[in-house]
Amino acid sequence: MIYLSKEAKTEIFAKHGENAADTGSAEGQVALFTYRIAHLTGHLKKNKHDFSTQLSLQKLVGKRRALLAYLFKKDIGRYRDIIKALQLRDIIK
């Protein structure tokens, strides 16, 4: 079962990256990770004892956090834009 089609991925990268083909931008990756985190969180609410999914979720959150730290260090403007677009935090540094 595929929960994220190719078209959906392209749309995420087009919306948060420079273009749809820019799959390596930090903003596009953070947006994709956020989508996947939301999906796995919903799955874990129904399946509390799915520990392999729980581990995968923790790894994804760590990857997203590392990318956000990179953006914060390199370009605070891009960091603020992606945080605002994805509504990840209430307080913007």
PDB file of N, CA and C in Angstrom:
ATOM      1  N   MET A   1       0.843  -1.182   0.000  1.00  0.00           N
ATOM      2  CA  MET A   1       0.000   0.000   0.000  1.00  0.00           C
ATOM      3  C   MET A   1       0.889   1.246   0.000  1.00  0.00           C
ATOM      4  N   ILE A   2       0.693   2.079  -0.982  1.00  0.00           N
ATOM      5  CA  ILE A   2       1.472   3.307  -1.083  1.00  0.00           C
ATOM      6  C   ILE A   2       0.621   4.460  -0.547  1.00  0.00           C
ATOM      7  N   TYR A   3       1.092   5.115   0.476  1.00  0.00           N
ATOM      8  CA  TYR A   3       0.337   6.206   1.068  1.00  0.00           C
ATOM      9  C   TYR A   3       0.735   7.554   0.481  1.00  0.00           C
ATOM     10  N   LEU A   4       1.841   7.594  -0.267  1.00  0.00           N
ATOM     11  CA  LEU A   4       2.310   8.845  -0.845  1.00  0.00           C
ATOM     12  C   LEU A   4       2.657   8.595  -2.310  1.00  0.00           C
ATOM     13  N   SER A   5       1.794   9.090  -3.194  1.00  0.00           N
ATOM     14  CA  SER A   5       2.010   8.867  -4.621  1.00  0.00           C
ATOM     15  C   SER A   5       3.098   9.787  -5.154  1.00  0.00           C
ATOM     16  N   LYS A   6       3.539   9.486  -6.354  1.00  0.00           N
ATOM     17  CA  LYS A   6       4.572  10.300  -6.996  1.00  0.00           C
ATOM     18  C   LYS A   6       4.064  11.729  -7.210  1.00  0.00           C
ATOM     19  N   GLU A   7       2.803  11.865  -7.552  1.00  0.00           N
ATOM     20  CA  GLU A   7       2.215  13.185  -7.770  1.00  0.00           C
ATOM     21  C   GLU A   7       2.182  13.997  -6.478  1.00  0.00           C
ATOM     22  N   ALA A   8       1.880  13.325  -5.364  1.00  0.00           N
ATOM     23  CA  ALA A   8       1.840  14.015  -4.075  1.00  0.00           C
ATOM     24  C   ALA A   8       3.228  14.504  -3.674  1.00  0.00           C
ATOM     25  N   LYS A   9       4.249  13.666  -3.909  1.00  0.00           N
ATOM     26  CA  LYS A   9       5.620  14.076  -3.610  1.00  0.00           C
ATOM     27  C   LYS A   9       6.026  15.269  -4.463  1.00  0.00           C
ATOM     28  N   THR A  10       5.699  15.207  -5.753  1.00  0.00           N
ATOM     29  CA  THR A  10       6.023  16.306  -6.664  1.00  0.00           C
ATOM     30  C   THR A  10       5.365  17.590  -6.201  1.00  0.00           C
ATOM     31  N   GLU A  11       4.129  17.480  -5.737  1.00  0.00           N
ATOM     32  CA  GLU A  11       3.402  18.653  -5.251  1.00  0.00           C
ATOM     33  C   GLU A  11       4.068  19.238  -3.998  1.00  0.00           C
ATOM     34  N   ILE A  12       4.505  18.377  -3.096  1.00  0.00           N
ATOM     35  CA  ILE A  12       5.181  18.842  -1.877  1.00  0.00           C
ATOM     36  C   ILE A  12       6.467  19.579  -2.235  1.00  0.00           C
ATOM     37  N   PHE A  13       7.264  18.994  -3.139  1.00  0.00           N
ATOM     38  CA  PHE A  13       8.525  19.632  -3.517  1.00  0.00           C
ATOM     39  C   PHE A  13       8.292  20.913  -4.310  1.00  0.00           C
ATOM     40  N   ALA A  14       7.240  20.948  -5.119  1.00  0.00           N
ATOM     41  CA  ALA A  14       6.941  22.155  -5.883  1.00  0.00           C
ATOM     42  C   ALA A  14       6.503  23.292  -4.962  1.00  0.00           C
ATOM     43  N   LYS A  15       5.772  22.941  -3.931  1.00  0.00           N
ATOM     44  CA  LYS A  15       5.256  23.957  -3.007  1.00  0.00           C
ATOM     45  C   LYS A  15       6.341  24.500  -2.082  1.00  0.00           C
ATOM     46  N   HIS A  16       7.223  23.636  -1.608  1.00  0.00           N
ATOM     47  CA  HIS A  16       8.198  24.049  -0.602  1.00  0.00           C
ATOM     48  C   HIS A  16       9.629  24.160  -1.111  1.00  0.00           C
ATOM     49  N   GLY A  17       9.908  23.646  -2.293  1.00  0.00           N
ATOM     50  CA  GLY A  17      11.235  23.786  -2.881  1.00  0.00           C
ATOM     51  C   GLY A  17      11.214  24.886  -3.924  1.00  0.00           C
ATOM     52  N   GLU A  18      12.295  25.005  -4.660  1.00  0.00           N
ATOM     53  CA  GLU A  18      12.333  26.009  -5.723  1.00  0.00           C
ATOM     54  C   GLU A  18      11.512  25.557  -6.919  1.00  0.00           C
ATOM     55  N   ASN A  19      11.514  24.262  -7.223  1.00  0.00           N
ATOM     56  CA  ASN A  19      10.669  23.698  -8.268  1.00  0.00           C
ATOM     57  C   ASN A  19      10.409  22.233  -7.933  1.00  0.00           C
ATOM     58  N   ALA A  20       9.598  21.592  -8.759  1.00  0.00           N
ATOM     59  CA  ALA A  20       9.209  20.210  -8.467  1.00  0.00           C
ATOM     60  C   ALA A  20      10.386  19.240  -8.572  1.00  0.00           C
ATOM     61  N   ALA A  21      11.387  19.576  -9.378  1.00  0.00           N
ATOM     62  CA  ALA A  21      12.534  18.686  -9.551  1.00  0.00           C
ATOM     63  C   ALA A  21      13.589  18.873  -8.459  1.00  0.00           C
ATOM     64  N   ASP A  22      13.434  19.884  -7.627  1.00  0.00           N
ATOM     65  CA  ASP A  22      14.409  20.189  -6.578  1.00  0.00           C
ATOM     66  C   ASP A  22      14.097  19.368  -5.330  1.00  0.00           C
ATOM     67  N   THR A  23      14.423  18.078  -5.391  1.00  0.00           N
ATOM     68  CA  THR A  23      14.101  17.185  -4.278  1.00  0.00           C
ATOM     69  C   THR A  23      15.156  17.209  -3.181  1.00  0.00           C
ATOM     70  N   GLY A  24      16.253  17.899  -3.399  1.00  0.00           N
ATOM     71  CA  GLY A  24      17.332  17.908  -2.418  1.00  0.00           C
ATOM     72  C   GLY A  24      17.358  19.123  -1.529  1.00  0.00           C
ATOM     73  N   SER A  25      16.476  20.082  -1.753  1.00  0.00           N
ATOM     74  CA  SER A  25      16.496  21.280  -0.920  1.00  0.00           C
ATOM     75  C   SER A  25      16.075  20.938   0.502  1.00  0.00           C
ATOM     76  N   ALA A  26      16.629  21.645   1.442  1.00  0.00           N
ATOM     77  CA  ALA A  26      16.318  21.376   2.848  1.00  0.00           C
ATOM     78  C   ALA A  26      14.840  21.619   3.132  1.00  0.00           C
ATOM     79  N   GLU A  27      14.272  22.657   2.531  1.00  0.00           N
ATOM     80  CA  GLU A  27      12.860  22.956   2.752  1.00  0.00           C
ATOM     81  C   GLU A  27      11.960  21.831   2.235  1.00  0.00           C
ATOM     82  N   GLY A  28      12.275  21.325   1.043  1.00  0.00           N
ATOM     83  CA  GLY A  28      11.488  20.226   0.487  1.00  0.00           C
ATOM     84  C   GLY A  28      11.596  18.973   1.330  1.00  0.00           C
ATOM     85  N   GLN A  29      12.797  18.677   1.807  1.00  0.00           N
ATOM     86  CA  GLN A  29      12.992  17.499   2.651  1.00  0.00           C
ATOM     87  C   GLN A  29      12.231  17.633   3.970  1.00  0.00           C
ATOM     88  N   VAL A  30      12.290  18.814   4.579  1.00  0.00           N
ATOM     89  CA  VAL A  30      11.575  19.035   5.844  1.00  0.00           C
ATOM     90  C   VAL A  30      10.076  18.878   5.622  1.00  0.00           C
ATOM     91  N   ALA A  31       9.559  19.401   4.512  1.00  0.00           N
ATOM     92  CA  ALA A  31       8.132  19.275   4.218  1.00  0.00           C
ATOM     93  C   ALA A  31       7.742  17.810   4.024  1.00  0.00           C
ATOM     94  N   LEU A  32       8.571  17.055   3.305  1.00  0.00           N
ATOM     95  CA  LEU A  32       8.288  15.637   3.094  1.00  0.00           C
ATOM     96  C   LEU A  32       8.342  14.874   4.417  1.00  0.00           C
ATOM     97  N   PHE A  33       9.352  15.144   5.228  1.00  0.00           N
ATOM     98  CA  PHE A  33       9.441  14.492   6.536  1.00  0.00           C
ATOM     99  C   PHE A  33       8.226  14.822   7.399  1.00  0.00           C
ATOM    100  N   THR A  34       7.768  16.067   7.345  1.00  0.00           N
ATOM    101  CA  THR A  34       6.604  16.478   8.132  1.00  0.00           C
ATOM    102  C   THR A  34       5.362  15.712   7.702  1.00  0.00           C
ATOM    103  N   TYR A  35       5.186  15.548   6.403  1.00  0.00           N
ATOM    104  CA  TYR A  35       4.051  14.770   5.897  1.00  0.00           C
ATOM    105  C   TYR A  35       4.129  13.324   6.385  1.00  0.00           C
ATOM    106  N   ARG A  36       5.313  12.724   6.274  1.00  0.00           N
ATOM    107  CA  ARG A  36       5.485  11.335   6.696  1.00  0.00           C
ATOM    108  C   ARG A  36       5.306  11.186   8.206  1.00  0.00           C
ATOM    109  N   ILE A  37       5.776  12.164   8.989  1.00  0.00           N
ATOM    110  CA  ILE A  37       5.620  12.131  10.441  1.00  0.00           C
ATOM    111  C   ILE A  37       4.143  12.171  10.813  1.00  0.00           C
ATOM    112  N   ALA A  38       3.383  13.017  10.138  1.00  0.00           N
ATOM    113  CA  ALA A  38       1.945  13.103  10.415  1.00  0.00           C
ATOM    114  C   ALA A  38       1.257  11.770  10.086  1.00  0.00           C
ATOM    115  N   HIS A  39       1.658  11.156   8.979  1.00  0.00           N
ATOM    116  CA  HIS A  39       1.069   9.877   8.593  1.00  0.00           C
ATOM    117  C   HIS A  39       1.387   8.783   9.623  1.00  0.00           C
ATOM    118  N   LEU A  40       2.644   8.705  10.034  1.00  0.00           N
ATOM    119  CA  LEU A  40       3.036   7.673  11.005  1.00  0.00           C
ATOM    120  C   LEU A  40       2.407   7.918  12.374  1.00  0.00           C
ATOM    121  N   THR A  41       2.242   9.172  12.737  1.00  0.00           N
ATOM    122  CA  THR A  41       1.607   9.494  14.016  1.00  0.00           C
ATOM    123  C   THR A  41       0.164   9.006  14.029  1.00  0.00           C
ATOM    124  N   GLY A  42      -0.536   9.219  12.919  1.00  0.00           N
ATOM    125  CA  GLY A  42      -1.906   8.716  12.813  1.00  0.00           C
ATOM    126  C   GLY A  42      -1.964   7.200  12.897  1.00  0.00           C
ATOM    127  N   HIS A  43      -1.014   6.540  12.265  1.00  0.00           N
ATOM    128  CA  HIS A  43      -0.953   5.073  12.318  1.00  0.00           C
ATOM    129  C   HIS A  43      -0.716   4.598  13.747  1.00  0.00           C
ATOM    130  N   LEU A  44       0.190   5.289  14.456  1.00  0.00           N
ATOM    131  CA  LEU A  44       0.512   4.850  15.820  1.00  0.00           C
ATOM    132  C   LEU A  44      -0.625   5.106  16.808  1.00  0.00           C
ATOM    133  N   LYS A  45      -1.496   6.063  16.500  1.00  0.00           N
ATOM    134  CA  LYS A  45      -2.649   6.289  17.374  1.00  0.00           C
ATOM    135  C   LYS A  45      -3.599   5.102  17.332  1.00  0.00           C
ATOM    136  N   LYS A  46      -3.660   4.442  16.169  1.00  0.00           N
ATOM    137  CA  LYS A  46      -4.518   3.258  16.028  1.00  0.00           C
ATOM    138  C   LYS A  46      -3.813   1.982  16.475  1.00  0.00           C
ATOM    139  N   ASN A  47      -2.493   1.915  16.270  1.00  0.00           N
ATOM    140  CA  ASN A  47      -1.717   0.709  16.547  1.00  0.00           C
ATOM    141  C   ASN A  47      -0.628   1.021  17.569  1.00  0.00           C
ATOM    142  N   LYS A  48      -1.014   1.050  18.817  1.00  0.00           N
ATOM    143  CA  LYS A  48      -0.108   1.498  19.882  1.00  0.00           C
ATOM    144  C   LYS A  48       1.115   0.603  20.066  1.00  0.00           C
ATOM    145  N   HIS A  49       1.021  -0.654  19.691  1.00  0.00           N
ATOM    146  CA  HIS A  49       2.115  -1.599  19.942  1.00  0.00           C
ATOM    147  C   HIS A  49       2.962  -1.883  18.705  1.00  0.00           C
ATOM    148  N   ASP A  50       2.901  -1.007  17.716  1.00  0.00           N
ATOM    149  CA  ASP A  50       3.713  -1.167  16.509  1.00  0.00           C
ATOM    150  C   ASP A  50       5.053  -0.471  16.750  1.00  0.00           C
ATOM    151  N   PHE A  51       5.967  -1.221  17.334  1.00  0.00           N
ATOM    152  CA  PHE A  51       7.220  -0.621  17.793  1.00  0.00           C
ATOM    153  C   PHE A  51       8.189  -0.328  16.648  1.00  0.00           C
ATOM    154  N   SER A  52       8.106  -1.058  15.555  1.00  0.00           N
ATOM    155  CA  SER A  52       8.978  -0.758  14.419  1.00  0.00           C
ATOM    156  C   SER A  52       8.585   0.581  13.787  1.00  0.00           C
ATOM    157  N   THR A  53       7.302   0.861  13.731  1.00  0.00           N
ATOM    158  CA  THR A  53       6.854   2.158  13.232  1.00  0.00           C
ATOM    159  C   THR A  53       7.239   3.257  14.202  1.00  0.00           C
ATOM    160  N   GLN A  54       7.188   2.974  15.477  1.00  0.00           N
ATOM    161  CA  GLN A  54       7.583   3.948  16.484  1.00  0.00           C
ATOM    162  C   GLN A  54       9.059   4.317  16.324  1.00  0.00           C
ATOM    163  N   LEU A  55       9.899   3.331  16.068  1.00  0.00           N
ATOM    164  CA  LEU A  55      11.313   3.592  15.846  1.00  0.00           C
ATOM    165  C   LEU A  55      11.526   4.415  14.576  1.00  0.00           C
ATOM    166  N   SER A  56      10.804   4.073  13.519  1.00  0.00           N
ATOM    167  CA  SER A  56      10.902   4.824  12.265  1.00  0.00           C
ATOM    168  C   SER A  56      10.480   6.275  12.465  1.00  0.00           C
ATOM    169  N   LEU A  57       9.448   6.479  13.244  1.00  0.00           N
ATOM    170  CA  LEU A  57       8.976   7.835  13.532  1.00  0.00           C
ATOM    171  C   LEU A  57      10.041   8.629  14.288  1.00  0.00           C
ATOM    172  N   GLN A  58      10.668   8.013  15.258  1.00  0.00           N
ATOM    173  CA  GLN A  58      11.714   8.695  16.020  1.00  0.00           C
ATOM    174  C   GLN A  58      12.894   9.074  15.126  1.00  0.00           C
ATOM    175  N   LYS A  59      13.255   8.193  14.192  1.00  0.00           N
ATOM    176  CA  LYS A  59      14.346   8.491  13.270  1.00  0.00           C
ATOM    177  C   LYS A  59      13.989   9.653  12.353  1.00  0.00           C
ATOM    178  N   LEU A  60      12.750   9.678  11.868  1.00  0.00           N
ATOM    179  CA  LEU A  60      12.311  10.762  10.992  1.00  0.00           C
ATOM    180  C   LEU A  60      12.310  12.102  11.717  1.00  0.00           C
ATOM    181  N   VAL A  61      11.855  12.090  12.952  1.00  0.00           N
ATOM    182  CA  VAL A  61      11.847  13.330  13.736  1.00  0.00           C
ATOM    183  C   VAL A  61      13.277  13.825  13.934  1.00  0.00           C
ATOM    184  N   GLY A  62      14.208  12.916  14.161  1.00  0.00           N
ATOM    185  CA  GLY A  62      15.612  13.293  14.312  1.00  0.00           C
ATOM    186  C   GLY A  62      16.193  13.876  13.035  1.00  0.00           C
ATOM    187  N   LYS A  63      15.850  13.279  11.882  1.00  0.00           N
ATOM    188  CA  LYS A  63      16.332  13.802  10.607  1.00  0.00           C
ATOM    189  C   LYS A  63      15.777  15.198  10.347  1.00  0.00           C
ATOM    190  N   ARG A  64      14.480  15.380  10.626  1.00  0.00           N
ATOM    191  CA  ARG A  64      13.869  16.694  10.412  1.00  0.00           C
ATOM    192  C   ARG A  64      14.496  17.728  11.335  1.00  0.00           C
ATOM    193  N   ARG A  65      14.744  17.328  12.562  1.00  0.00           N
ATOM    194  CA  ARG A  65      15.353  18.244  13.526  1.00  0.00           C
ATOM    195  C   ARG A  65      16.758  18.659  13.088  1.00  0.00           C
ATOM    196  N   ALA A  66      17.520  17.705  12.555  1.00  0.00           N
ATOM    197  CA  ALA A  66      18.875  18.009  12.077  1.00  0.00           C
ATOM    198  C   ALA A  66      18.834  18.962  10.885  1.00  0.00           C
ATOM    199  N   LEU A  67      17.900  18.737   9.963  1.00  0.00           N
ATOM    200  CA  LEU A  67      17.773  19.641   8.817  1.00  0.00           C
ATOM    201  C   LEU A  67      17.352  21.038   9.250  1.00  0.00           C
ATOM    202  N   LEU A  68      16.454  21.117  10.226  1.00  0.00           N
ATOM    203  CA  LEU A  68      16.030  22.434  10.725  1.00  0.00           C
ATOM    204  C   LEU A  68      17.180  23.137  11.439  1.00  0.00           C
ATOM    205  N   ALA A  69      17.997  22.385  12.153  1.00  0.00           N
ATOM    206  CA  ALA A  69      19.162  22.985  12.810  1.00  0.00           C
ATOM    207  C   ALA A  69      20.142  23.511  11.772  1.00  0.00           C
ATOM    208  N   TYR A  70      20.318  22.766  10.684  1.00  0.00           N
ATOM    209  CA  TYR A  70      21.182  23.205   9.589  1.00  0.00           C
ATOM    210  C   TYR A  70      20.659  24.512   8.992  1.00  0.00           C
ATOM    211  N   LEU A  71      19.356  24.560   8.714  1.00  0.00           N
ATOM    212  CA  LEU A  71      18.776  25.780   8.154  1.00  0.00           C
ATOM    213  C   LEU A  71      18.911  26.951   9.114  1.00  0.00           C
ATOM    214  N   PHE A  72      18.707  26.696  10.393  1.00  0.00           N
ATOM    215  CA  PHE A  72      18.817  27.754  11.397  1.00  0.00           C
ATOM    216  C   PHE A  72      20.224  28.334  11.403  1.00  0.00           C
ATOM    217  N   LYS A  73      21.213  27.453  11.263  1.00  0.00           N
ATOM    218  CA  LYS A  73      22.608  27.881  11.306  1.00  0.00           C
ATOM    219  C   LYS A  73      23.014  28.593  10.017  1.00  0.00           C
ATOM    220  N   LYS A  74      22.540  28.112   8.862  1.00  0.00           N
ATOM    221  CA  LYS A  74      22.980  28.635   7.571  1.00  0.00           C
ATOM    222  C   LYS A  74      22.207  29.879   7.123  1.00  0.00           C
ATOM    223  N   ASP A  75      20.867  29.837   7.261  1.00  0.00           N
ATOM    224  CA  ASP A  75      20.047  30.936   6.745  1.00  0.00           C
ATOM    225  C   ASP A  75      18.776  31.038   7.584  1.00  0.00           C
ATOM    226  N   ILE A  76      18.777  31.974   8.525  1.00  0.00           N
ATOM    227  CA  ILE A  76      17.661  32.099   9.467  1.00  0.00           C
ATOM    228  C   ILE A  76      16.358  32.466   8.755  1.00  0.00           C
ATOM    229  N   GLY A  77      16.451  33.170   7.645  1.00  0.00           N
ATOM    230  CA  GLY A  77      15.260  33.551   6.892  1.00  0.00           C
ATOM    231  C   GLY A  77      14.549  32.349   6.301  1.00  0.00           C
ATOM    232  N   ARG A  78      15.304  31.444   5.701  1.00  0.00           N
ATOM    233  CA  ARG A  78      14.726  30.214   5.146  1.00  0.00           C
ATOM    234  C   ARG A  78      14.130  29.358   6.257  1.00  0.00           C
ATOM    235  N   TYR A  79      14.814  29.317   7.400  1.00  0.00           N
ATOM    236  CA  TYR A  79      14.323  28.558   8.551  1.00  0.00           C
ATOM    237  C   TYR A  79      12.968  29.099   9.002  1.00  0.00           C
ATOM    238  N   ARG A  80      12.887  30.415   9.150  1.00  0.00           N
ATOM    239  CA  ARG A  80      11.628  31.033   9.594  1.00  0.00           C
ATOM    240  C   ARG A  80      10.504  30.807   8.591  1.00  0.00           C
ATOM    241  N   ASP A  81      10.834  30.867   7.302  1.00  0.00           N
ATOM    242  CA  ASP A  81       9.818  30.664   6.272  1.00  0.00           C
ATOM    243  C   ASP A  81       9.243  29.251   6.318  1.00  0.00           C
ATOM    244  N   ILE A  82      10.106  28.251   6.457  1.00  0.00           N
ATOM    245  CA  ILE A  82       9.621  26.865   6.448  1.00  0.00           C
ATOM    246  C   ILE A  82       8.861  26.547   7.743  1.00  0.00           C
ATOM    247  N   ILE A  83       9.308  27.104   8.855  1.00  0.00           N
ATOM    248  CA  ILE A  83       8.597  26.902  10.124  1.00  0.00           C
ATOM    249  C   ILE A  83       7.198  27.498  10.039  1.00  0.00           C
ATOM    250  N   LYS A  84       7.122  28.678   9.448  1.00  0.00           N
ATOM    251  CA  LYS A  84       5.822  29.346   9.314  1.00  0.00           C
ATOM    252  C   LYS A  84       4.918  28.605   8.337  1.00  0.00           C
ATOM    253  N   ALA A  85       5.481  28.152   7.202  1.00  0.00           N
ATOM    254  CA  ALA A  85       4.687  27.471   6.177  1.00  0.00           C
ATOM    255  C   ALA A  85       4.130  26.140   6.691  1.00  0.00           C
ATOM    256  N   LEU A  86       4.914  25.430   7.464  1.00  0.00           N
ATOM    257  CA  LEU A  86       4.487  24.117   7.956  1.00  0.00           C
ATOM    258  C   LEU A  86       3.849  24.176   9.344  1.00  0.00           C
ATOM    259  N   GLN A  87       3.858  25.350   9.958  1.00  0.00           N
ATOM    260  CA  GLN A  87       3.289  25.570  11.298  1.00  0.00           C
ATOM    261  C   GLN A  87       3.857  24.577  12.293  1.00  0.00           C
ATOM    262  N   LEU A  88       5.201  24.516  12.356  1.00  0.00           N
ATOM    263  CA  LEU A  88       5.848  23.550  13.238  1.00  0.00           C
ATOM    264  C   LEU A  88       6.020  24.060  14.661  1.00  0.00           C
ATOM    265  N   ARG A  89       6.257  25.340  14.813  1.00  0.00           N
ATOM    266  CA  ARG A  89       6.496  25.896  16.148  1.00  0.00           C
ATOM    267  C   ARG A  89       5.648  27.135  16.354  1.00  0.00           C
ATOM    268  N   ASP A  90       5.346  27.413  17.615  1.00  0.00           N
ATOM    269  CA  ASP A  90       4.584  28.622  17.926  1.00  0.00           C
ATOM    270  C   ASP A  90       5.497  29.836  18.006  1.00  0.00           C
ATOM    271  N   ILE A  91       6.672  29.652  18.593  1.00  0.00           N
ATOM    272  CA  ILE A  91       7.594  30.749  18.791  1.00  0.00           C
ATOM    273  C   ILE A  91       8.687  30.649  17.743  1.00  0.00           C
ATOM    274  N   ILE A  92       8.866  31.718  16.993  1.00  0.00           N
ATOM    275  CA  ILE A  92       9.927  31.743  15.982  1.00  0.00           C
ATOM    276  C   ILE A  92      11.121  32.465  16.576  1.00  0.00           C
ATOM    277  N   LYS A  93      12.273  31.794  16.518  1.00  0.00           N
ATOM    278  CA  LYS A  93      13.498  32.362  17.093  1.00  0.00           C
ATOM    279  C   LYS A  93      14.005  33.484  16.234  1.00  0.00           C
TER     280      LYS A  93
END
